[in-house]
């Protein structure tokens, strides 16, 4: 944010951990402190409208806006809304969503399908079918099971594809180093996913909404392996893409090098072209403009 010329204020807050409840013992102390800090920021900045981009991190600012009777707009990324979105949705001036199905789970009369605002560079193109380059990513944190499946099938994958691009996450650093070979481009992290997707013809990934939004903005077919964490919310993201015809799914418990190889090899060129068209149709390359339009509409009421 500072590099883009904007002021940045931060508030210390932690989310509700459903997988490890004992980690929530500090919340009764953190939440009131975070709200007080957010109220000070709101009072100093005096916004016309507050935009909450989903997740627990937005809760203090949105709560402060509601406390000061300021209009606020929410943006929800997942098909299954998070706890913070569900809690604040009824009083929101509008709710922006990313995938079809979210609107059925929220109490609000002004819900708009906008997509996820993305960085520049995710430009639509028609990928090759059969695919020449495979992109595998587990998100910024990586995905151990996905990494292991790729490395176990790497010989066959590099024979099948001209290039296998693999973003393994920081936890995959040793595996990337140990599996150096021709046609394999392994890395632990990238801040330029747009460049990687501009080279790829097929994406294998977890079913996080950011990766789905990036792939659909380009119009890439996907093989999604939804994570089982966070109450399994990625399952519904994957289901939405499968229903749209843009993706194939592999269950996390079924994922091995063999099933990964069998799945990507089983995607016939005609199906891949149909998946690419469905992916492009689901993409929202103008999501940022759509969200801004909602904000202006709220302000002009």
Foldseek 3Di string as FASTA:
>chain_A
DVVVPDDDDAADADDCAPVDNVVCPCHVVRVVRRLVVLLVVCVVVVDQEAEAEADPRSQSVLVSCVVVVHAYEYEAQFLDGDPSCQVRVQRHPEYEYAFPNNVVVHNDPHYHDQHDADDPQLAADAADVVKAEEEEAAPQQFDVLSLQLCQVQVVVVVVVHQAYEYQGAPVCPVVVVVRDDHRYHYDPDDPCVSVVLVRTQEYEYAQGRVVLQSCLNHLHAYEYAHDPPPVRRSVRSQVRLVVLLQYHYDYSVRRHNVVVVVVSVPQGRVSRSVNSVSSPVSHNNPSVVVVVVSVVVSSVD
